[in-house]
Amino acid sequence: MSLKIIGTEPGQRLDLFLSSKISFSRSQIQNLIHQGHVLVNGSTVKKNYLLCGGEEIKIDLPEIEELKAEDIKLDIIFEDEFLALINKPPGLSMHPGSGQIEGTLVSGLLALGWPLSNLGGEERPGIVHRLDKGTSGLVLIAKDNATHEFLKNEIQQRHIQRSYLALVEGVPKWDKLDVEGFIQRNPKKPTSFRMGESGRYSKTSFTMKENLGNYALLECLLDTGRTHQIRVHLKSIHFPVVGDLVYGSKKTSKKITHQMLHAKRLDFNHPRGQRMSFCAPLPEEFAEFLNKIRKTGSK
């Protein structure tokens, strides 16, 4: 369903204006804006866009179905009364969306019967940050709104350190490299992103870990956390993630079933004050493919 609204409050933020016009929470509206479901005069904008007055605002409202609990086996790395840490397998969507209502991480969380925060919207209980469907690794889950707010603020303040392992095509000549710049939605393919002269600022620090002939194993440290950030940055420097069908080549797609990108380590401050650090093992297919090219070469 689509709605059309005329901007009638010059100087007001778009998300605030829309929250007063439709029965969606401000966080839900911000998510719609971020996902490109809100157009102002035919163009995507940021949630803090200030109205000039007279703009045509088009909103595509996805249908929200009732969430279902499902008995999905989740690898729980840590859990207490405030939060949990899950090692997400590749191929598991974080939450319902784009026509998928079942078989998500959220479905598995609901089956556990935990209390979950609701600041992320109705379809994302407990979800503080996200991993792409094809990416595996550590995900923080908030059990209450105070913890959710605390962890989101920690991410914004860059107090949470998120380290990934990526197997890439090609071998860099550098040992360390910082990639930074603006990430914007690709107008030719709205579900993907690209580097550009405008958009959202992003930065990733890459470290060469292992030369594997035609491949390399990199450590990727996030400074910001934009959608598809590591994958877009690696494509921009011509070392795409192995198995990435959106930003990489097709030459390894017949050998593996998911992209070789894993959220390996997460360091964060617990709401009670202590610094915590956790690591997650590589998923089986990633580990087996890595061991194979170590033993036999990368052909």
C-alpha atoms as a PDB file:
ATOM      1  CA  MET A   1       0.000   0.000   0.000  1.00  0.00           C
ATOM      2  CA  SER A   2       1.243   3.502  -0.840  1.00  0.00           C
ATOM      3  CA  LEU A   3       0.389   6.833   0.737  1.00  0.00           C
ATOM      4  CA  LYS A   4       0.938  10.330  -0.616  1.00  0.00           C
ATOM      5  CA  ILE A   5       1.257  13.255   1.780  1.00  0.00           C
ATOM      6  CA  ILE A   6       2.107  16.902   1.121  1.00  0.00           C
ATOM      7  CA  GLY A   7       4.745  18.397   3.409  1.00  0.00           C
ATOM      8  CA  THR A   8       2.981  21.194   5.270  1.00  0.00           C
ATOM      9  CA  GLU A   9       5.430  22.004   8.073  1.00  0.00           C
ATOM     10  CA  PRO A  10       8.465  23.912   6.693  1.00  0.00           C
ATOM     11  CA  GLY A  11      11.561  23.413   8.843  1.00  0.00           C
ATOM     12  CA  GLN A  12      10.320  20.235  10.536  1.00  0.00           C
ATOM     13  CA  ARG A  13      12.228  16.955  10.313  1.00  0.00           C
ATOM     14  CA  LEU A  14      10.694  14.455   7.930  1.00  0.00           C
ATOM     15  CA  ASP A  15      10.517  11.617  10.480  1.00  0.00           C
ATOM     16  CA  LEU A  16       8.796  13.829  13.059  1.00  0.00           C
ATOM     17  CA  PHE A  17       6.326  15.133  10.497  1.00  0.00           C
ATOM     18  CA  LEU A  18       5.370  11.646   9.306  1.00  0.00           C
ATOM     19  CA  SER A  19       5.022  10.271  12.847  1.00  0.00           C
ATOM     20  CA  SER A  20       2.299  12.883  13.409  1.00  0.00           C
ATOM     21  CA  LYS A  21       0.479  11.922  10.209  1.00  0.00           C
ATOM     22  CA  ILE A  22       0.447   8.106  10.157  1.00  0.00           C
ATOM     23  CA  SER A  23       0.068   5.457  12.865  1.00  0.00           C
ATOM     24  CA  PHE A  24       3.696   4.340  12.830  1.00  0.00           C
ATOM     25  CA  SER A  25       6.271   4.943  15.550  1.00  0.00           C
ATOM     26  CA  ARG A  26       9.141   7.302  14.823  1.00  0.00           C
ATOM     27  CA  SER A  27      11.611   4.393  14.808  1.00  0.00           C
ATOM     28  CA  GLN A  28       9.450   2.511  12.295  1.00  0.00           C
ATOM     29  CA  ILE A  29       9.310   5.600  10.073  1.00  0.00           C
ATOM     30  CA  GLN A  30      13.081   6.004  10.321  1.00  0.00           C
ATOM     31  CA  ASN A  31      13.475   2.386   9.224  1.00  0.00           C
ATOM     32  CA  LEU A  32      11.163   2.983   6.257  1.00  0.00           C
ATOM     33  CA  ILE A  33      13.223   6.043   5.258  1.00  0.00           C
ATOM     34  CA  HIS A  34      16.501   4.137   5.660  1.00  0.00           C
ATOM     35  CA  GLN A  35      15.193   1.258   3.523  1.00  0.00           C
ATOM     36  CA  GLY A  36      14.170   3.606   0.716  1.00  0.00           C
ATOM     37  CA  HIS A  37      10.406   3.230   1.205  1.00  0.00           C
ATOM     38  CA  VAL A  38       9.930   7.009   1.590  1.00  0.00           C
ATOM     39  CA  LEU A  39      10.431   9.326  -1.392  1.00  0.00           C
ATOM     40  CA  VAL A  40      10.353  13.126  -1.306  1.00  0.00           C
ATOM     41  CA  ASN A  41       9.605  14.555  -4.747  1.00  0.00           C
ATOM     42  CA  GLY A  42      10.645  11.205  -6.180  1.00  0.00           C
ATOM     43  CA  SER A  43      14.010  10.924  -4.398  1.00  0.00           C
ATOM     44  CA  THR A  44      15.258   9.086  -1.324  1.00  0.00           C
ATOM     45  CA  VAL A  45      16.322  11.301   1.586  1.00  0.00           C
ATOM     46  CA  LYS A  46      17.749  10.986   5.095  1.00  0.00           C
ATOM     47  CA  LYS A  47      15.574  10.725   8.187  1.00  0.00           C
ATOM     48  CA  ASN A  48      16.685  14.202   9.334  1.00  0.00           C
ATOM     49  CA  TYR A  49      15.628  15.844   6.054  1.00  0.00           C
ATOM     50  CA  LEU A  50      14.066  19.246   6.806  1.00  0.00           C
ATOM     51  CA  LEU A  51      10.834  20.017   5.001  1.00  0.00           C
ATOM     52  CA  CYS A  52      10.691  23.102   2.785  1.00  0.00           C
ATOM     53  CA  GLY A  53       6.915  22.954   2.414  1.00  0.00           C
ATOM     54  CA  GLY A  54       4.863  21.685  -0.491  1.00  0.00           C
ATOM     55  CA  GLU A  55       6.891  18.525  -1.140  1.00  0.00           C
ATOM     56  CA  GLU A  56       5.128  15.388  -2.323  1.00  0.00           C
ATOM     57  CA  ILE A  57       5.982  12.579   0.081  1.00  0.00           C
ATOM     58  CA  LYS A  58       5.305   9.029  -1.104  1.00  0.00           C
ATOM     59  CA  ILE A  59       5.379   6.218   1.441  1.00  0.00           C
ATOM     60  CA  ASP A  60       5.352   2.533   0.484  1.00  0.00           C
ATOM     61  CA  LEU A  61       3.962   0.723   3.520  1.00  0.00           C
ATOM     62  CA  PRO A  62       4.971  -2.950   3.662  1.00  0.00           C
ATOM     63  CA  GLU A  63       2.305  -5.246   5.018  1.00  0.00           C
ATOM     64  CA  ILE A  64       3.115  -6.313   8.573  1.00  0.00           C
ATOM     65  CA  GLU A  65       2.104  -9.881   9.316  1.00  0.00           C
ATOM     66  CA  GLU A  66       1.964 -11.419  12.761  1.00  0.00           C
ATOM     67  CA  LEU A  67       5.368 -12.692  13.840  1.00  0.00           C
ATOM     68  CA  LYS A  68       5.593 -16.426  14.432  1.00  0.00           C
ATOM     69  CA  ALA A  69       7.830 -18.271  16.872  1.00  0.00           C
ATOM     70  CA  GLU A  70       9.775 -21.123  15.250  1.00  0.00           C
ATOM     71  CA  ASP A  71      11.995 -23.796  16.714  1.00  0.00           C
ATOM     72  CA  ILE A  72      15.200 -22.664  15.018  1.00  0.00           C
ATOM     73  CA  LYS A  73      18.388 -23.914  16.654  1.00  0.00           C
ATOM     74  CA  LEU A  74      20.415 -20.860  17.629  1.00  0.00           C
ATOM     75  CA  ASP A  75      24.054 -20.880  18.708  1.00  0.00           C
ATOM     76  CA  ILE A  76      23.914 -18.849  21.933  1.00  0.00           C
ATOM     77  CA  ILE A  77      27.411 -17.612  22.788  1.00  0.00           C
ATOM     78  CA  PHE A  78      26.365 -15.651  25.887  1.00  0.00           C
ATOM     79  CA  GLU A  79      23.146 -14.802  27.695  1.00  0.00           C
ATOM     80  CA  ASP A  80      22.105 -12.996  30.875  1.00  0.00           C
ATOM     81  CA  GLU A  81      19.115 -10.957  32.074  1.00  0.00           C
ATOM     82  CA  PHE A  82      20.111  -7.939  29.948  1.00  0.00           C
ATOM     83  CA  LEU A  83      21.319  -9.251  26.614  1.00  0.00           C
ATOM     84  CA  ALA A  84      22.403 -12.200  24.535  1.00  0.00           C
ATOM     85  CA  LEU A  85      25.017 -12.866  21.888  1.00  0.00           C
ATOM     86  CA  ILE A  86      24.090 -15.153  18.991  1.00  0.00           C
ATOM     87  CA  ASN A  87      26.408 -16.712  16.413  1.00  0.00           C
ATOM     88  CA  LYS A  88      24.179 -16.315  13.337  1.00  0.00           C
ATOM     89  CA  PRO A  89      24.638 -18.908  10.596  1.00  0.00           C
ATOM     90  CA  PRO A  90      24.918 -17.777   6.960  1.00  0.00           C
ATOM     91  CA  GLY A  91      21.648 -17.840   5.058  1.00  0.00           C
ATOM     92  CA  LEU A  92      19.477 -16.876   8.041  1.00  0.00           C
ATOM     93  CA  SER A  93      17.703 -13.520   7.699  1.00  0.00           C
ATOM     94  CA  MET A  94      17.770 -11.317  10.772  1.00  0.00           C
ATOM     95  CA  HIS A  95      14.092 -10.361  10.753  1.00  0.00           C
ATOM     96  CA  PRO A  96      10.982 -10.432   8.542  1.00  0.00           C
ATOM     97  CA  GLY A  97      11.044  -8.258   5.439  1.00  0.00           C
ATOM     98  CA  SER A  98      10.849  -8.248   1.645  1.00  0.00           C
ATOM     99  CA  GLY A  99       8.070 -10.821   1.691  1.00  0.00           C
ATOM    100  CA  GLN A 100       9.792 -13.166   4.162  1.00  0.00           C
ATOM    101  CA  ILE A 101       7.896 -13.616   7.422  1.00  0.00           C
ATOM    102  CA  GLU A 102       9.155 -17.035   8.560  1.00  0.00           C
ATOM    103  CA  GLY A 103      12.546 -18.656   9.055  1.00  0.00           C
ATOM    104  CA  THR A 104      14.333 -15.648  10.573  1.00  0.00           C
ATOM    105  CA  LEU A 105      16.529 -15.043  13.598  1.00  0.00           C
ATOM    106  CA  VAL A 106      13.609 -13.180  15.177  1.00  0.00           C
ATOM    107  CA  SER A 107      11.420 -16.287  14.764  1.00  0.00           C
ATOM    108  CA  GLY A 108      13.995 -18.303  16.684  1.00  0.00           C
ATOM    109  CA  LEU A 109      14.294 -15.661  19.401  1.00  0.00           C
ATOM    110  CA  LEU A 110      10.526 -15.633  19.940  1.00  0.00           C
ATOM    111  CA  ALA A 111      10.553 -19.406  20.435  1.00  0.00           C
ATOM    112  CA  LEU A 112      13.054 -19.024  23.285  1.00  0.00           C
ATOM    113  CA  GLY A 113      10.499 -17.038  25.259  1.00  0.00           C
ATOM    114  CA  TRP A 114      12.936 -14.277  26.212  1.00  0.00           C
ATOM    115  CA  PRO A 115      11.732 -10.747  26.925  1.00  0.00           C
ATOM    116  CA  LEU A 116      12.915  -8.610  24.006  1.00  0.00           C
ATOM    117  CA  SER A 117      13.258  -4.881  23.391  1.00  0.00           C
ATOM    118  CA  ASN A 118      10.851  -3.250  20.941  1.00  0.00           C
ATOM    119  CA  LEU A 119      12.737  -0.071  20.017  1.00  0.00           C
ATOM    120  CA  GLY A 120      13.673  -1.504  16.615  1.00  0.00           C
ATOM    121  CA  GLY A 121      10.055  -1.794  15.506  1.00  0.00           C
ATOM    122  CA  GLU A 122       7.397  -4.497  15.546  1.00  0.00           C
ATOM    123  CA  GLU A 123       9.270  -6.773  13.147  1.00  0.00           C
ATOM    124  CA  ARG A 124      12.638  -6.515  14.923  1.00  0.00           C
ATOM    125  CA  PRO A 125      12.222  -7.385  18.616  1.00  0.00           C
ATOM    126  CA  GLY A 126      15.598  -7.496  20.346  1.00  0.00           C
ATOM    127  CA  ILE A 127      17.580  -6.539  17.243  1.00  0.00           C
ATOM    128  CA  VAL A 128      20.258  -3.939  18.062  1.00  0.00           C
ATOM    129  CA  HIS A 129      22.328  -4.241  14.877  1.00  0.00           C
ATOM    130  CA  ARG A 130      22.153  -6.404  11.789  1.00  0.00           C
ATOM    131  CA  LEU A 131      24.166  -8.772   9.641  1.00  0.00           C
ATOM    132  CA  ASP A 132      23.380  -9.415   5.990  1.00  0.00           C
ATOM    133  CA  LYS A 133      21.557 -12.680   5.313  1.00  0.00           C
ATOM    134  CA  GLY A 134      24.650 -14.262   3.771  1.00  0.00           C
ATOM    135  CA  THR A 135      27.017 -13.051   6.498  1.00  0.00           C
ATOM    136  CA  SER A 136      27.636 -15.195   9.570  1.00  0.00           C
ATOM    137  CA  GLY A 137      28.779 -14.326  13.069  1.00  0.00           C
ATOM    138  CA  LEU A 138      28.088 -12.414  16.247  1.00  0.00           C
ATOM    139  CA  VAL A 139      24.886 -10.456  16.812  1.00  0.00           C
ATOM    140  CA  LEU A 140      23.859  -8.579  19.972  1.00  0.00           C
ATOM    141  CA  ILE A 141      20.303  -9.047  21.241  1.00  0.00           C
ATOM    142  CA  ALA A 142      18.729  -6.676  23.796  1.00  0.00           C
ATOM    143  CA  LYS A 143      16.193  -8.058  26.258  1.00  0.00           C
ATOM    144  CA  ASP A 144      14.797  -4.695  27.354  1.00  0.00           C
ATOM    145  CA  ASN A 145      14.532  -1.161  26.005  1.00  0.00           C
ATOM    146  CA  ALA A 146      17.047   0.338  28.438  1.00  0.00           C
ATOM    147  CA  THR A 147      19.701  -2.164  27.306  1.00  0.00           C
ATOM    148  CA  HIS A 148      18.766  -1.576  23.655  1.00  0.00           C
ATOM    149  CA  GLU A 149      19.158   2.190  24.080  1.00  0.00           C
ATOM    150  CA  PHE A 150      22.483   1.710  25.893  1.00  0.00           C
ATOM    151  CA  LEU A 151      23.914  -0.579  23.200  1.00  0.00           C
ATOM    152  CA  LYS A 152      22.745   1.634  20.315  1.00  0.00           C
ATOM    153  CA  ASN A 153      24.440   4.589  21.983  1.00  0.00           C
ATOM    154  CA  GLU A 154      27.606   2.524  22.456  1.00  0.00           C
ATOM    155  CA  ILE A 155      27.612   1.767  18.726  1.00  0.00           C
ATOM    156  CA  GLN A 156      27.084   5.428  17.844  1.00  0.00           C
ATOM    157  CA  GLN A 157      29.904   6.447  20.199  1.00  0.00           C
ATOM    158  CA  ARG A 158      32.135   3.762  18.615  1.00  0.00           C
ATOM    159  CA  HIS A 159      32.634   1.994  21.941  1.00  0.00           C
ATOM    160  CA  ILE A 160      31.694  -1.376  20.435  1.00  0.00           C
ATOM    161  CA  GLN A 161      34.449  -2.999  18.381  1.00  0.00           C
ATOM    162  CA  ARG A 162      33.259  -5.274  15.572  1.00  0.00           C
ATOM    163  CA  SER A 163      35.866  -7.387  13.789  1.00  0.00           C
ATOM    164  CA  TYR A 164      35.162  -9.559  10.740  1.00  0.00           C
ATOM    165  CA  LEU A 165      37.097 -12.111   8.712  1.00  0.00           C
ATOM    166  CA  ALA A 166      36.717 -11.905   4.939  1.00  0.00           C
ATOM    167  CA  LEU A 167      38.085 -14.251   2.304  1.00  0.00           C
ATOM    168  CA  VAL A 168      38.614 -12.146  -0.814  1.00  0.00           C
ATOM    169  CA  GLU A 169      39.505 -12.664  -4.452  1.00  0.00           C
ATOM    170  CA  GLY A 170      43.042 -11.485  -5.188  1.00  0.00           C
ATOM    171  CA  VAL A 171      45.960 -10.674  -2.899  1.00  0.00           C
ATOM    172  CA  PRO A 172      46.593  -7.097  -1.684  1.00  0.00           C
ATOM    173  CA  LYS A 173      50.129  -5.690  -1.752  1.00  0.00           C
ATOM    174  CA  TRP A 174      49.496  -3.760   1.462  1.00  0.00           C
ATOM    175  CA  ASP A 175      49.534  -5.016   5.057  1.00  0.00           C
ATOM    176  CA  LYS A 176      47.033  -2.473   6.370  1.00  0.00           C
ATOM    177  CA  LEU A 177      44.594  -0.163   4.621  1.00  0.00           C
ATOM    178  CA  ASP A 178      41.819   2.191   5.735  1.00  0.00           C
ATOM    179  CA  VAL A 179      38.955   2.654   3.286  1.00  0.00           C
ATOM    180  CA  GLU A 180      36.627   5.564   3.899  1.00  0.00           C
ATOM    181  CA  GLY A 181      34.109   7.583   1.952  1.00  0.00           C
ATOM    182  CA  PHE A 182      30.407   7.966   1.324  1.00  0.00           C
ATOM    183  CA  ILE A 183      28.111   5.012   0.697  1.00  0.00           C
ATOM    184  CA  GLN A 184      24.919   5.625  -1.251  1.00  0.00           C
ATOM    185  CA  ARG A 185      22.122   3.490  -2.613  1.00  0.00           C
ATOM    186  CA  ASN A 186      22.691   2.381  -6.214  1.00  0.00           C
ATOM    187  CA  PRO A 187      19.971   4.130  -8.276  1.00  0.00           C
ATOM    188  CA  LYS A 188      20.180   1.409 -10.938  1.00  0.00           C
ATOM    189  CA  LYS A 189      19.725  -1.351  -8.342  1.00  0.00           C
ATOM    190  CA  PRO A 190      18.049   0.016  -5.178  1.00  0.00           C
ATOM    191  CA  THR A 191      18.774  -3.137  -3.143  1.00  0.00           C
ATOM    192  CA  SER A 192      22.533  -2.587  -3.493  1.00  0.00           C
ATOM    193  CA  PHE A 193      24.940   0.207  -2.579  1.00  0.00           C
ATOM    194  CA  ARG A 194      28.033   1.891  -3.985  1.00  0.00           C
ATOM    195  CA  MET A 195      30.699   4.442  -3.088  1.00  0.00           C
ATOM    196  CA  GLY A 196      29.826   7.986  -4.149  1.00  0.00           C
ATOM    197  CA  GLU A 197      30.380  11.694  -3.610  1.00  0.00           C
ATOM    198  CA  SER A 198      27.439  11.880  -1.215  1.00  0.00           C
ATOM    199  CA  GLY A 199      25.560   9.560   1.101  1.00  0.00           C
ATOM    200  CA  ARG A 200      26.509   8.242   4.532  1.00  0.00           C
ATOM    201  CA  TYR A 201      30.110   8.434   5.734  1.00  0.00           C
ATOM    202  CA  SER A 202      31.771   5.046   6.230  1.00  0.00           C
ATOM    203  CA  LYS A 203      35.151   3.707   7.296  1.00  0.00           C
ATOM    204  CA  THR A 204      36.667   0.212   7.530  1.00  0.00           C
ATOM    205  CA  SER A 205      40.216  -0.752   8.528  1.00  0.00           C
ATOM    206  CA  PHE A 206      41.599  -3.806   6.721  1.00  0.00           C
ATOM    207  CA  THR A 207      44.555  -5.953   7.807  1.00  0.00           C
ATOM    208  CA  MET A 208      46.161  -8.638   5.660  1.00  0.00           C
ATOM    209  CA  LYS A 209      46.128 -11.905   7.635  1.00  0.00           C
ATOM    210  CA  GLU A 210      47.047 -14.606   5.134  1.00  0.00           C
ATOM    211  CA  ASN A 211      48.193 -14.864   1.501  1.00  0.00           C
ATOM    212  CA  LEU A 212      46.440 -17.835  -0.115  1.00  0.00           C
ATOM    213  CA  GLY A 213      47.616 -17.590  -3.701  1.00  0.00           C
ATOM    214  CA  ASN A 214      44.630 -16.317  -5.649  1.00  0.00           C
ATOM    215  CA  TYR A 215      42.839 -15.421  -2.429  1.00  0.00           C
ATOM    216  CA  ALA A 216      43.596 -13.566   0.793  1.00  0.00           C
ATOM    217  CA  LEU A 217      42.187 -13.671   4.313  1.00  0.00           C
ATOM    218  CA  LEU A 218      41.568 -10.184   5.707  1.00  0.00           C
ATOM    219  CA  GLU A 219      40.579  -8.850   9.100  1.00  0.00           C
ATOM    220  CA  CYS A 220      38.003  -6.069   8.746  1.00  0.00           C
ATOM    221  CA  LEU A 221      37.448  -3.642  11.621  1.00  0.00           C
ATOM    222  CA  LEU A 222      34.331  -1.484  11.402  1.00  0.00           C
ATOM    223  CA  ASP A 223      34.528   2.166  12.389  1.00  0.00           C
ATOM    224  CA  THR A 224      31.001   2.797  11.105  1.00  0.00           C
ATOM    225  CA  GLY A 225      28.303   0.240  10.355  1.00  0.00           C
ATOM    226  CA  ARG A 226      26.550   1.054   7.092  1.00  0.00           C
ATOM    227  CA  THR A 227      24.481  -1.476   5.172  1.00  0.00           C
ATOM    228  CA  HIS A 228      26.761  -3.764   3.103  1.00  0.00           C
ATOM    229  CA  GLN A 229      29.735  -1.610   4.215  1.00  0.00           C
ATOM    230  CA  ILE A 230      32.547  -4.178   4.163  1.00  0.00           C
ATOM    231  CA  ARG A 231      31.312  -5.714   0.921  1.00  0.00           C
ATOM    232  CA  VAL A 232      31.027  -2.320  -0.809  1.00  0.00           C
ATOM    233  CA  HIS A 233      34.442  -1.188   0.440  1.00  0.00           C
ATOM    234  CA  LEU A 234      36.127  -4.391  -0.734  1.00  0.00           C
ATOM    235  CA  LYS A 235      34.495  -4.110  -4.147  1.00  0.00           C
ATOM    236  CA  SER A 236      35.703  -0.507  -4.404  1.00  0.00           C
ATOM    237  CA  ILE A 237      39.342  -1.588  -3.930  1.00  0.00           C
ATOM    238  CA  HIS A 238      38.926  -4.582  -6.279  1.00  0.00           C
ATOM    239  CA  PHE A 239      39.124  -7.358  -3.682  1.00  0.00           C
ATOM    240  CA  PRO A 240      35.517  -8.629  -3.542  1.00  0.00           C
ATOM    241  CA  VAL A 241      34.357 -11.136  -0.957  1.00  0.00           C
ATOM    242  CA  VAL A 242      34.463 -14.707  -2.234  1.00  0.00           C
ATOM    243  CA  GLY A 243      30.939 -15.912  -2.973  1.00  0.00           C
ATOM    244  CA  ASP A 244      29.373 -12.437  -2.942  1.00  0.00           C
ATOM    245  CA  LEU A 245      26.846 -12.576  -5.773  1.00  0.00           C
ATOM    246  CA  VAL A 246      25.981  -8.870  -5.497  1.00  0.00           C
ATOM    247  CA  TYR A 247      29.406  -7.229  -5.309  1.00  0.00           C
ATOM    248  CA  GLY A 248      31.767 -10.042  -6.326  1.00  0.00           C
ATOM    249  CA  SER A 249      32.452 -12.228  -9.336  1.00  0.00           C
ATOM    250  CA  LYS A 250      30.657 -15.444 -10.211  1.00  0.00           C
ATOM    251  CA  LYS A 251      33.760 -17.643 -10.459  1.00  0.00           C
ATOM    252  CA  THR A 252      33.422 -19.205  -6.996  1.00  0.00           C
ATOM    253  CA  SER A 253      29.620 -19.295  -6.835  1.00  0.00           C
ATOM    254  CA  LYS A 254      29.471 -22.947  -7.941  1.00  0.00           C
ATOM    255  CA  LYS A 255      31.913 -24.045  -5.239  1.00  0.00           C
ATOM    256  CA  ILE A 256      30.227 -22.462  -2.214  1.00  0.00           C
ATOM    257  CA  THR A 257      26.728 -21.513  -1.098  1.00  0.00           C
ATOM    258  CA  HIS A 258      27.332 -18.269   0.812  1.00  0.00           C
ATOM    259  CA  GLN A 259      29.688 -15.304   0.943  1.00  0.00           C
ATOM    260  CA  MET A 260      32.878 -15.739   2.969  1.00  0.00           C
ATOM    261  CA  LEU A 261      32.312 -12.925   5.468  1.00  0.00           C
ATOM    262  CA  HIS A 262      32.112 -13.679   9.197  1.00  0.00           C
ATOM    263  CA  ALA A 263      31.594 -11.398  12.210  1.00  0.00           C
ATOM    264  CA  LYS A 264      34.361 -13.040  14.207  1.00  0.00           C
ATOM    265  CA  ARG A 265      34.792 -10.873  17.303  1.00  0.00           C
ATOM    266  CA  LEU A 266      32.750  -8.403  19.330  1.00  0.00           C
ATOM    267  CA  ASP A 267      34.085  -6.250  22.193  1.00  0.00           C
ATOM    268  CA  PHE A 268      31.584  -4.146  24.131  1.00  0.00           C
ATOM    269  CA  ASN A 269      30.721  -2.568  27.451  1.00  0.00           C
ATOM    270  CA  HIS A 270      28.016  -4.410  29.368  1.00  0.00           C
ATOM    271  CA  PRO A 271      25.247  -2.212  30.848  1.00  0.00           C
ATOM    272  CA  ARG A 272      26.612  -3.134  34.284  1.00  0.00           C
ATOM    273  CA  GLY A 273      29.980  -1.653  33.366  1.00  0.00           C
ATOM    274  CA  GLN A 274      32.361  -4.516  32.627  1.00  0.00           C
ATOM    275  CA  ARG A 275      34.154  -4.777  29.287  1.00  0.00           C
ATOM    276  CA  MET A 276      33.312  -8.028  27.496  1.00  0.00           C
ATOM    277  CA  SER A 277      34.888  -9.772  24.519  1.00  0.00           C
ATOM    278  CA  PHE A 278      33.601 -12.755  22.539  1.00  0.00           C
ATOM    279  CA  CYS A 279      34.683 -14.697  19.454  1.00  0.00           C
ATOM    280  CA  ALA A 280      32.646 -16.989  17.212  1.00  0.00           C
ATOM    281  CA  PRO A 281      34.048 -19.926  15.219  1.00  0.00           C
ATOM    282  CA  LEU A 282      33.832 -19.887  11.444  1.00  0.00           C
ATOM    283  CA  PRO A 283      30.817 -21.655   9.929  1.00  0.00           C
ATOM    284  CA  GLU A 284      31.588 -25.116   8.602  1.00  0.00           C
ATOM    285  CA  GLU A 285      31.578 -24.265   4.889  1.00  0.00           C
ATOM    286  CA  PHE A 286      33.843 -21.235   5.375  1.00  0.00           C
ATOM    287  CA  ALA A 287      36.307 -23.271   7.480  1.00  0.00           C
ATOM    288  CA  GLU A 288      36.331 -26.203   5.044  1.00  0.00           C
ATOM    289  CA  PHE A 289      36.864 -24.000   1.981  1.00  0.00           C
ATOM    290  CA  LEU A 290      39.642 -22.117   3.769  1.00  0.00           C
ATOM    291  CA  ASN A 291      41.397 -25.333   4.805  1.00  0.00           C
ATOM    292  CA  LYS A 292      41.061 -26.726   1.288  1.00  0.00           C
ATOM    293  CA  ILE A 293      42.824 -23.812  -0.388  1.00  0.00           C
ATOM    294  CA  ARG A 294      45.478 -23.816   2.340  1.00  0.00           C
ATOM    295  CA  LYS A 295      46.291 -27.464   1.564  1.00  0.00           C
ATOM    296  CA  THR A 296      45.807 -27.674  -2.182  1.00  0.00           C
ATOM    297  CA  GLY A 297      46.337 -24.133  -3.393  1.00  0.00           C
ATOM    298  CA  SER A 298      43.710 -21.723  -4.593  1.00  0.00           C
ATOM    299  CA  LYS A 299      42.957 -23.104  -8.024  1.00  0.00           C
END
